[in-house]
Amino acid sequence: MERQLRILLLEDSSTDAELMLFELRRAGVAHVSQCVSTLEDFLAALTQFNPDLVLSDQKLPGFTGTEALVLARRQRPDLPFILVTGALGEEVAVETIKSGATDYILKHRLFQLAPAVLRAVRETEQRTQRRQAEESLKIQHQQLKLQNQLLQQIQRQLSASQERYSRLYDTAPIGYTSLNEKGVICEINATAARMLGLLRTQLIGMPFSQFVSSKDQSNFVAHLQQCTDSEVPARAELTLITNGKHEPMVELLSVRTQELRQKRTFYQTTITDITERKEAEQILRQSEERFRQLAENIHEVFWMTDAGKNQMIYVSPGYETIWERSCESLYASPMNWIEAIHPEDRDRVVEAAFTKQISGQYDEVYRIVRPDGSVRWIEDRAFPIRDGSGNVYRLAGIAEDVTNHKRAEEAAATLGCAIESTSEAICITDLNDRFNFVNRAFQKIYGYTESEILGRAPEILFSPKNPTSLMA
């Protein structure tokens, strides 16, 4: 069924209003309409009737169509607004268009109304589609930005590994040669020449088969035949013989090429030591395995919402690991993560989320309770994302499980409290035998303040200030 346009008429003449609607019906423009004549009714209809388009007279009781246009633009910036008036001077017409009117039609030329309406609605829909497409691209860009942050983190962790293996890949000893139809060497590079044990000038014109072991001669012939019969590269594994010695196996990768001018066939061939390649493949597999393990064990949660926190735009799989709740549940209910916050922390975190995230000051540490009842400590940071006008329209953040760190802090605090509370004198010296810590009991027993004794050698204790019995 064709969509009906919702048309709001701002017209104090019922006859003119009916003529406009008649013209639209005659042109086959499906529509529903509402006609108002006062400014108050017009502003109310913009919200309540929610029109797709406004048709307005210029001269109305107590106000003008141009004034109505300005007010309409404040509420509905993209709403098509067409002036339909009896007369409109050139200067007024120009000012009207500058003020944002979509078009203007003279009442004695109403045959132009239907095309103008359809054109205005079509252009508005196109603008909306472009804006939606741009918004989608921005979201994708932000998702890629977060993914890039994760990849950069992984890249830093893998940099040492990549550095160790880069030289091996950069200097891999690969030989290149061109063979004619009979397998005779026409061109060869220095690496391949070293592999065959002769100078390049000596190798030109020699049959490559001369360097192939006897047991692999038939494989080499079959390799050349495969190149002749197929357009795809052919592979073969052979054992080379140089200077009368058996060398490690190599892999030949050859492709047939045609020289158009002389109508000759060549086989462009690479020669690779299989041992080197197998080692490189093993190293690559190990590197990929390390990458996979790192990616699977990085538990930070990357998330993104709209500015009002009504929509969860993206959340990384780490959420399921830390919260032990599905990402789908968060997409379905963007505030689902709050339910897991410990009751003692919930009000503080919720208030901070709605007041500090939009300003970039959100950095909260709180507890969550998993479905199995276990408690984890979370550090959650967020920052605003602004559009081209500087308005915040997205919020993004990173949440990290800091449970182990919190437990270590608590353990250190407990130990420190115990040391300071004991009546036994406790001190710690550095490798140069100088004090770098003394507890309160130590200061009380020996009569020195912390500032007096830190950085000093134990000899300071042997003084008239301390009796000999104390030092025994």
Protein backbone atom coordinates (compact mmCIF):
# COMPACT_ATOMS: atom_id res chain seq x y z
CA MET A 1 0.00 0.00 0.00
CA GLU A 2 1.33 3.46 -0.97
CA ARG A 3 2.35 5.58 2.03
CA GLN A 4 0.06 8.52 2.71
CA LEU A 5 1.77 11.84 3.22
CA ARG A 6 0.81 13.76 6.35
CA ILE A 7 0.26 17.33 5.13
CA LEU A 8 -0.25 20.28 7.50
CA LEU A 9 -1.97 23.29 5.92
CA LEU A 10 -1.44 26.72 7.49
CA GLU A 11 -4.25 28.60 5.75
CA ASP A 12 -7.03 30.93 6.93
CA SER A 13 -9.10 30.45 3.76
CA SER A 14 -11.01 27.19 3.68
CA THR A 15 -11.61 27.65 -0.05
CA ASP A 16 -7.88 27.97 -0.81
CA ALA A 17 -7.15 24.99 1.45
CA GLU A 18 -9.69 22.86 -0.41
CA LEU A 19 -8.28 23.94 -3.77
CA MET A 20 -4.79 22.82 -2.70
CA LEU A 21 -6.07 19.45 -1.47
CA PHE A 22 -8.12 19.02 -4.64
CA GLU A 23 -5.01 19.64 -6.74
CA LEU A 24 -3.10 17.01 -4.75
CA ARG A 25 -5.91 14.46 -5.11
CA ARG A 26 -6.16 15.19 -8.83
CA ALA A 27 -2.41 14.50 -9.17
CA GLY A 28 -2.78 11.19 -7.31
CA VAL A 29 -0.80 12.23 -4.23
CA ALA A 30 -2.02 9.98 -1.40
CA HIS A 31 -2.29 12.04 1.78
CA VAL A 32 -4.05 12.88 5.01
CA SER A 33 -4.24 16.50 6.06
CA GLN A 34 -4.95 18.91 8.88
CA CYS A 35 -5.65 22.59 8.38
CA VAL A 36 -4.90 25.27 11.01
CA SER A 37 -4.99 29.05 10.84
CA THR A 38 -3.47 30.27 14.14
CA LEU A 39 0.11 30.23 15.26
CA GLU A 40 -0.77 28.39 18.48
CA ASP A 41 -2.58 25.62 16.60
CA PHE A 42 0.27 25.41 14.09
CA LEU A 43 2.94 24.86 16.76
CA ALA A 44 0.78 22.23 18.47
CA ALA A 45 0.17 20.39 15.19
CA LEU A 46 3.90 20.18 14.48
CA THR A 47 4.15 17.80 17.44
CA GLN A 48 0.72 16.19 17.62
CA PHE A 49 -0.05 15.74 13.93
CA ASN A 50 3.64 15.12 13.10
CA PRO A 51 3.42 16.19 9.44
CA ASP A 52 5.66 15.11 6.58
CA LEU A 53 5.25 18.49 4.91
CA VAL A 54 3.80 22.00 5.54
CA LEU A 55 1.85 24.07 2.99
CA SER A 56 1.54 27.64 4.27
CA ASP A 57 -0.01 30.87 3.12
CA GLN A 58 2.19 33.98 3.48
CA LYS A 59 -0.35 36.41 4.92
CA LEU A 60 -2.16 35.10 7.99
CA PRO A 61 -4.04 36.78 10.84
CA GLY A 62 -1.44 38.35 13.14
CA PHE A 63 1.65 36.67 11.59
CA THR A 64 3.25 35.62 8.30
CA GLY A 65 4.19 32.36 6.72
CA THR A 66 7.86 33.40 6.93
CA GLU A 67 7.55 33.75 10.73
CA ALA A 68 5.88 30.35 10.91
CA LEU A 69 8.76 28.94 8.85
CA VAL A 70 11.34 30.20 11.37
CA LEU A 71 9.42 28.61 14.27
CA ALA A 72 8.98 25.35 12.37
CA ARG A 73 12.70 25.15 11.62
CA ARG A 74 13.43 25.35 15.36
CA GLN A 75 11.28 22.29 16.08
CA ARG A 76 11.70 20.33 12.85
CA PRO A 77 14.85 21.45 10.98
CA ASP A 78 14.35 19.00 8.09
CA LEU A 79 10.57 19.41 7.67
CA PRO A 80 9.70 20.47 4.06
CA PHE A 81 7.97 23.87 4.11
CA ILE A 82 6.31 25.20 0.95
CA LEU A 83 4.74 28.66 0.77
CA VAL A 84 1.51 28.76 -1.26
CA THR A 85 0.51 32.39 -1.63
CA GLY A 86 -1.41 34.70 -3.88
CA ALA A 87 1.51 37.01 -4.59
CA LEU A 88 5.15 37.10 -3.56
CA GLY A 89 7.61 39.77 -4.61
CA GLU A 90 11.05 38.81 -5.86
CA GLU A 91 12.84 40.15 -2.78
CA VAL A 92 10.43 38.38 -0.41
CA ALA A 93 10.79 35.16 -2.41
CA VAL A 94 14.60 35.32 -2.11
CA GLU A 95 14.44 36.02 1.63
CA THR A 96 11.94 33.18 2.09
CA ILE A 97 14.23 30.67 0.41
CA LYS A 98 17.18 31.98 2.45
CA SER A 99 15.12 31.46 5.63
CA GLY A 100 14.82 27.79 4.80
CA ALA A 101 11.64 27.43 2.73
CA THR A 102 11.73 24.39 0.49
CA ASP A 103 9.80 26.07 -2.34
CA TYR A 104 7.04 28.57 -3.02
CA ILE A 105 3.98 28.25 -5.29
CA LEU A 106 1.63 30.99 -6.46
CA LYS A 107 -2.04 30.20 -5.91
CA HIS A 108 -2.95 30.93 -9.51
CA ARG A 109 -0.40 28.23 -10.54
CA LEU A 110 -1.52 25.36 -8.34
CA PHE A 111 -0.75 22.88 -11.12
CA GLN A 112 2.86 23.19 -9.87
CA LEU A 113 1.91 22.13 -6.33
CA ALA A 114 1.90 18.34 -6.64
CA PRO A 115 5.32 18.12 -8.36
CA ALA A 116 6.77 20.50 -5.77
CA VAL A 117 5.35 18.40 -2.90
CA LEU A 118 6.67 15.13 -4.31
CA ARG A 119 10.06 16.67 -5.02
CA ALA A 120 10.33 18.14 -1.50
CA VAL A 121 9.42 14.83 0.17
CA ARG A 122 11.79 12.90 -2.06
CA GLU A 123 14.71 15.25 -1.32
CA THR A 124 13.99 15.07 2.42
CA GLU A 125 14.00 11.26 2.33
CA GLN A 126 17.28 11.29 0.43
CA ARG A 127 18.84 13.63 3.00
CA THR A 128 17.63 11.35 5.80
CA GLN A 129 19.08 8.28 4.09
CA ARG A 130 22.43 10.03 3.60
CA ARG A 131 22.48 11.11 7.24
CA GLN A 132 21.69 7.56 8.39
CA ALA A 133 24.46 6.20 6.18
CA GLU A 134 26.93 8.73 7.59
CA GLU A 135 25.89 7.81 11.13
CA SER A 136 26.44 4.13 10.36
CA LEU A 137 29.91 4.90 9.00
CA LYS A 138 30.77 6.84 12.16
CA ILE A 139 29.74 3.89 14.33
CA GLN A 140 31.83 1.52 12.22
CA HIS A 141 34.75 3.93 12.50
CA GLN A 142 34.52 3.95 16.30
CA GLN A 143 34.30 0.16 16.40
CA LEU A 144 37.39 -0.06 14.21
CA LYS A 145 39.12 2.45 16.47
CA LEU A 146 38.48 0.27 19.52
CA GLN A 147 39.57 -2.83 17.63
CA ASN A 148 42.73 -1.03 16.56
CA GLN A 149 43.47 -0.20 20.19
CA LEU A 150 43.27 -3.90 21.01
CA LEU A 151 45.42 -4.81 18.02
CA GLN A 152 47.99 -2.19 18.98
CA GLN A 153 48.17 -3.64 22.47
CA ILE A 154 48.66 -7.13 21.05
CA GLN A 155 51.20 -5.76 18.57
CA ARG A 156 53.31 -4.33 21.38
CA GLN A 157 53.25 -7.66 23.16
CA LEU A 158 54.28 -9.47 19.99
CA SER A 159 56.92 -6.96 18.89
CA ALA A 160 59.78 -8.83 20.57
CA SER A 161 58.71 -12.08 18.91
CA GLN A 162 58.31 -10.43 15.51
CA GLU A 163 61.72 -8.79 15.81
CA ARG A 164 63.37 -12.18 16.39
CA TYR A 165 61.82 -13.68 13.30
CA SER A 166 61.77 -10.71 10.91
CA ARG A 167 65.41 -11.17 9.93
CA LEU A 168 64.77 -14.79 9.05
CA TYR A 169 61.91 -13.82 6.69
CA ASP A 170 63.73 -10.80 5.24
CA THR A 171 66.87 -12.78 4.37
CA ALA A 172 65.29 -16.09 3.34
CA PRO A 173 67.68 -17.69 0.78
CA ILE A 174 65.38 -18.03 -2.23
CA GLY A 175 66.79 -18.58 -5.69
CA TYR A 176 65.21 -17.46 -8.97
CA THR A 177 65.83 -18.84 -12.45
CA SER A 178 64.28 -18.88 -15.91
CA LEU A 179 64.30 -22.14 -17.85
CA ASN A 180 63.45 -22.60 -21.51
CA GLU A 181 61.19 -25.37 -22.87
CA LYS A 182 64.01 -27.90 -22.59
CA GLY A 183 64.85 -26.96 -19.01
CA VAL A 184 68.01 -25.05 -19.88
CA ILE A 185 68.97 -22.15 -17.59
CA CYS A 186 68.49 -18.82 -19.38
CA GLU A 187 68.66 -16.50 -16.35
CA ILE A 188 69.57 -17.07 -12.69
CA ASN A 189 70.13 -14.86 -9.65
CA ALA A 190 73.10 -14.89 -7.28
CA THR A 191 71.24 -16.76 -4.52
CA ALA A 192 70.30 -19.60 -6.87
CA ALA A 193 73.82 -19.64 -8.24
CA ARG A 194 75.25 -20.07 -4.74
CA MET A 195 72.77 -22.88 -4.13
CA LEU A 196 74.02 -24.68 -7.29
CA GLY A 197 77.68 -24.03 -6.44
CA LEU A 198 78.76 -22.20 -9.64
CA LEU A 199 79.06 -18.66 -10.97
CA ARG A 200 76.05 -17.19 -12.71
CA THR A 201 77.97 -16.85 -15.97
CA GLN A 202 78.86 -20.55 -15.81
CA LEU A 203 75.27 -21.63 -15.25
CA ILE A 204 73.70 -19.82 -18.24
CA GLY A 205 73.06 -22.42 -20.96
CA MET A 206 73.40 -25.44 -18.67
CA PRO A 207 70.49 -27.89 -18.27
CA PHE A 208 68.97 -27.56 -14.81
CA SER A 209 68.55 -31.35 -14.78
CA GLN A 210 72.31 -31.60 -14.40
CA PHE A 211 71.88 -30.50 -10.79
CA VAL A 212 68.97 -32.83 -10.02
CA SER A 213 69.69 -36.16 -8.33
CA SER A 214 69.14 -39.26 -10.44
CA LYS A 215 66.23 -40.45 -8.32
CA ASP A 216 64.39 -37.18 -8.97
CA GLN A 217 65.04 -36.84 -12.72
CA SER A 218 61.59 -38.19 -13.61
CA ASN A 219 60.00 -35.81 -11.06
CA PHE A 220 61.72 -32.86 -12.71
CA VAL A 221 60.51 -33.87 -16.18
CA ALA A 222 56.97 -34.30 -14.82
CA HIS A 223 57.25 -30.88 -13.18
CA LEU A 224 58.04 -29.16 -16.50
CA GLN A 225 55.23 -31.07 -18.20
CA GLN A 226 52.78 -29.93 -15.52
CA CYS A 227 53.82 -26.32 -16.17
CA THR A 228 53.16 -26.84 -19.90
CA ASP A 229 49.72 -28.34 -19.33
CA SER A 230 48.48 -25.90 -16.69
CA GLU A 231 48.15 -22.16 -16.23
CA VAL A 232 48.62 -22.43 -12.45
CA PRO A 233 52.04 -22.66 -10.75
CA ALA A 234 53.46 -26.18 -10.40
CA ARG A 235 55.35 -27.41 -7.34
CA ALA A 236 57.96 -30.13 -7.02
CA GLU A 237 60.33 -31.29 -4.29
CA LEU A 238 63.74 -32.40 -5.49
CA THR A 239 67.19 -33.24 -4.19
CA LEU A 240 70.00 -31.18 -5.76
CA ILE A 241 73.55 -32.35 -6.44
CA THR A 242 76.34 -29.79 -6.47
CA ASN A 243 80.08 -30.47 -6.64
CA GLY A 244 79.33 -34.18 -6.46
CA LYS A 245 77.61 -33.87 -3.06
CA HIS A 246 74.01 -34.43 -2.11
CA GLU A 247 72.40 -31.21 -0.92
CA PRO A 248 69.21 -30.77 1.09
CA MET A 249 65.92 -31.06 -0.71
CA VAL A 250 64.52 -27.97 -2.38
CA GLU A 251 61.10 -26.94 -3.61
CA LEU A 252 60.65 -25.69 -7.15
CA LEU A 253 57.72 -23.41 -7.87
CA SER A 254 57.38 -22.82 -11.60
CA VAL A 255 54.94 -21.04 -13.87
CA ARG A 256 54.85 -21.03 -17.66
CA THR A 257 55.22 -17.69 -19.47
CA GLN A 258 55.09 -16.85 -23.15
CA GLU A 259 57.42 -14.44 -24.94
CA LEU A 260 55.16 -12.99 -27.61
CA ARG A 261 57.80 -11.53 -29.93
CA GLN A 262 59.88 -14.68 -30.30
CA LYS A 263 57.01 -17.04 -29.46
CA ARG A 264 59.12 -18.90 -26.94
CA THR A 265 58.02 -20.55 -23.71
CA PHE A 266 59.85 -20.03 -20.42
CA TYR A 267 59.42 -21.46 -16.94
CA GLN A 268 59.88 -18.86 -14.25
CA THR A 269 61.09 -20.87 -11.25
CA THR A 270 61.87 -20.21 -7.62
CA ILE A 271 64.19 -22.51 -5.70
CA THR A 272 63.62 -22.73 -1.97
CA ASP A 273 65.45 -24.86 0.54
CA ILE A 274 62.70 -26.96 2.13
CA THR A 275 64.47 -27.10 5.47
CA GLU A 276 64.50 -23.32 5.76
CA ARG A 277 60.88 -23.13 4.70
CA LYS A 278 59.74 -25.80 7.14
CA GLU A 279 61.49 -24.01 9.96
CA ALA A 280 59.88 -20.74 8.93
CA GLU A 281 56.45 -22.39 8.77
CA GLN A 282 56.94 -23.79 12.25
CA ILE A 283 57.96 -20.38 13.53
CA LEU A 284 54.90 -18.85 11.89
CA ARG A 285 52.62 -21.43 13.46
CA GLN A 286 54.13 -20.75 16.84
CA SER A 287 53.71 -17.00 16.34
CA GLU A 288 50.07 -17.44 15.31
CA GLU A 289 49.48 -19.66 18.34
CA ARG A 290 50.98 -17.04 20.64
CA PHE A 291 48.81 -14.39 19.00
CA ARG A 292 45.70 -16.52 19.49
CA GLN A 293 46.54 -17.20 23.12
CA LEU A 294 47.14 -13.50 23.80
CA ALA A 295 43.90 -12.49 22.10
CA GLU A 296 41.90 -15.08 24.04
CA ASN A 297 43.42 -14.10 27.38
CA ILE A 298 43.10 -10.33 27.18
CA HIS A 299 40.04 -9.79 29.34
CA GLU A 300 39.53 -6.03 29.09
CA VAL A 301 36.02 -5.03 28.08
CA PHE A 302 35.63 -2.40 25.37
CA TRP A 303 32.15 -0.83 25.25
CA MET A 304 30.25 1.96 23.50
CA THR A 305 26.80 3.45 24.15
CA ASP A 306 24.80 6.39 22.92
CA ALA A 307 25.06 9.62 24.92
CA GLY A 308 21.91 8.84 26.90
CA LYS A 309 23.07 5.29 27.66
CA ASN A 310 19.85 3.95 26.16
CA GLN A 311 21.56 1.82 23.52
CA MET A 312 24.55 -0.51 23.77
CA ILE A 313 26.28 -0.04 20.43
CA TYR A 314 29.25 -2.37 21.01
CA VAL A 315 30.72 -4.55 23.76
CA SER A 316 33.72 -6.84 23.37
CA PRO A 317 33.66 -10.58 24.27
CA GLY A 318 35.67 -9.84 27.43
CA TYR A 319 32.35 -8.86 29.05
CA GLU A 320 31.25 -12.50 29.06
CA THR A 321 34.54 -13.53 30.70
CA ILE A 322 34.49 -10.92 33.47
CA TRP A 323 30.77 -10.48 34.14
CA GLU A 324 29.88 -14.08 33.19
CA ARG A 325 26.85 -12.67 31.44
CA SER A 326 26.20 -12.77 27.71
CA CYS A 327 26.90 -9.84 25.42
CA GLU A 328 23.46 -10.38 23.91
CA SER A 329 21.83 -9.66 27.26
CA LEU A 330 23.61 -6.29 27.30
CA TYR A 331 22.52 -5.44 23.77
CA ALA A 332 18.95 -6.32 24.70
CA SER A 333 19.07 -4.34 27.96
CA PRO A 334 21.88 -1.73 28.02
CA MET A 335 21.58 -1.25 31.80
CA ASN A 336 21.93 -5.00 32.49
CA TRP A 337 25.53 -4.52 33.65
CA ILE A 338 24.31 -2.42 36.61
CA GLU A 339 22.40 -5.38 38.05
CA ALA A 340 25.71 -7.13 38.67
CA ILE A 341 27.23 -4.24 40.66
CA HIS A 342 27.59 -4.92 44.37
CA PRO A 343 24.71 -3.25 46.29
CA GLU A 344 27.17 -1.20 48.36
CA ASP A 345 28.74 0.27 45.21
CA ARG A 346 25.73 0.49 42.90
CA ASP A 347 24.36 3.96 43.74
CA ARG A 348 27.82 5.55 43.55
CA VAL A 349 28.65 3.94 40.20
CA VAL A 350 25.28 4.70 38.62
CA GLU A 351 25.49 8.35 39.66
CA ALA A 352 29.04 8.61 38.32
CA ALA A 353 28.06 6.91 35.06
CA PHE A 354 25.32 9.44 34.37
CA THR A 355 27.25 12.51 35.51
CA LYS A 356 30.94 11.91 34.84
CA GLN A 357 31.11 9.80 31.68
CA ILE A 358 29.87 12.60 29.45
CA SER A 359 32.61 14.94 30.76
CA GLY A 360 35.42 12.38 30.52
CA GLN A 361 35.98 12.29 34.30
CA TYR A 362 34.61 8.80 34.84
CA ASP A 363 37.16 6.43 36.43
CA GLU A 364 35.46 4.18 38.96
CA VAL A 365 36.56 1.09 40.87
CA TYR A 366 33.71 -1.11 42.07
CA ARG A 367 32.69 -4.67 42.77
CA ILE A 368 30.44 -6.93 40.72
CA VAL A 369 28.71 -10.11 41.81
CA ARG A 370 28.75 -12.89 39.24
CA PRO A 371 25.85 -15.31 38.80
CA ASP A 372 27.72 -17.90 40.90
CA GLY A 373 28.03 -15.42 43.78
CA SER A 374 31.74 -14.70 43.36
CA VAL A 375 32.88 -11.07 43.66
CA ARG A 376 35.28 -9.33 41.24
CA TRP A 377 36.78 -5.84 41.41
CA ILE A 378 36.41 -3.70 38.26
CA GLU A 379 38.15 -0.51 37.17
CA ASP A 380 35.93 1.23 34.61
CA ARG A 381 37.04 4.26 32.57
CA ALA A 382 35.04 6.20 29.98
CA PHE A 383 35.41 9.12 27.61
CA PRO A 384 32.96 11.08 25.43
CA ILE A 385 32.92 11.00 21.63
CA ARG A 386 31.88 14.23 19.91
CA ASP A 387 30.41 14.89 16.49
CA GLY A 388 31.54 17.55 14.06
CA SER A 389 29.64 20.20 16.00
CA GLY A 390 31.36 19.31 19.27
CA ASN A 391 28.29 17.64 20.76
CA VAL A 392 28.67 14.40 22.69
CA TYR A 393 26.77 11.68 20.89
CA ARG A 394 28.61 8.53 22.00
CA LEU A 395 30.27 7.25 25.18
CA ALA A 396 33.09 4.70 25.03
CA GLY A 397 35.09 3.01 27.75
CA ILE A 398 37.31 0.20 28.94
CA ALA A 399 36.53 -1.98 31.95
CA GLU A 400 39.27 -4.13 33.49
CA ASP A 401 39.24 -6.87 36.13
CA VAL A 402 41.56 -5.60 38.90
CA THR A 403 40.61 -8.18 41.52
CA ASN A 404 44.15 -9.50 41.95
CA HIS A 405 45.52 -5.98 42.31
CA LYS A 406 42.92 -5.11 44.93
CA ARG A 407 43.65 -8.27 46.86
CA ALA A 408 47.36 -7.50 46.78
CA GLU A 409 46.67 -3.98 48.09
CA GLU A 410 44.54 -5.36 50.90
CA ALA A 411 47.20 -7.92 51.82
CA ALA A 412 49.91 -5.23 51.82
CA ALA A 413 47.77 -2.95 53.99
CA THR A 414 47.11 -5.79 56.44
CA LEU A 415 50.81 -6.61 56.63
CA GLY A 416 51.74 -2.96 57.10
CA CYS A 417 49.20 -2.58 59.89
CA ALA A 418 50.56 -5.70 61.61
CA ILE A 419 54.15 -4.44 61.39
CA GLU A 420 53.24 -1.05 62.80
CA SER A 421 51.10 -2.56 65.57
CA THR A 422 53.62 -5.09 66.91
CA SER A 423 55.69 -4.34 70.02
CA GLU A 424 58.71 -5.98 68.41
CA ALA A 425 61.31 -3.72 66.80
CA ILE A 426 61.41 -4.31 63.03
CA CYS A 427 63.76 -2.69 60.55
CA ILE A 428 64.83 -3.16 56.93
CA THR A 429 68.21 -2.21 55.46
CA ASP A 430 69.35 -1.90 51.87
CA LEU A 431 72.36 -3.64 50.27
CA ASN A 432 74.62 -0.89 51.64
CA ASP A 433 73.48 -1.76 55.17
CA ARG A 434 71.55 1.46 55.64
CA PHE A 435 68.09 1.71 57.14
CA ASN A 436 65.22 2.25 54.71
CA PHE A 437 62.38 1.23 57.08
CA VAL A 438 61.80 1.15 60.84
CA ASN A 439 58.50 0.55 62.61
CA ARG A 440 57.10 2.54 65.52
CA ALA A 441 58.30 -0.03 68.09
CA PHE A 442 61.85 0.31 66.73
CA GLN A 443 61.72 4.10 67.06
CA LYS A 444 60.34 3.86 70.58
CA ILE A 445 62.91 1.31 71.78
CA TYR A 446 65.96 3.07 70.32
CA GLY A 447 64.76 6.63 70.80
CA TYR A 448 65.15 7.84 67.23
CA THR A 449 62.53 9.31 64.95
CA GLU A 450 62.06 7.92 61.47
CA SER A 451 63.65 10.99 59.84
CA GLU A 452 66.70 10.67 62.12
CA ILE A 453 67.45 7.05 61.33
CA LEU A 454 66.46 6.46 57.69
CA GLY A 455 69.50 6.36 55.42
CA ARG A 456 71.88 5.87 58.38
CA ALA A 457 74.06 2.86 59.17
CA PRO A 458 73.36 0.65 62.25
CA GLU A 459 76.33 2.28 64.02
CA ILE A 460 74.03 5.13 64.93
CA LEU A 461 72.43 2.83 67.50
CA PHE A 462 75.73 2.56 69.39
CA SER A 463 75.56 5.92 71.10
CA PRO A 464 75.18 7.30 74.63
CA LYS A 465 71.52 7.59 73.75
CA ASN A 466 71.17 3.79 74.03
CA PRO A 467 72.48 1.74 77.00
CA THR A 468 74.94 -1.07 76.31
CA SER A 469 72.39 -3.62 77.55
CA LEU A 470 70.01 -2.59 74.77
CA MET A 471 72.62 -3.32 72.11
CA ALA A 472 73.60 -6.74 73.54
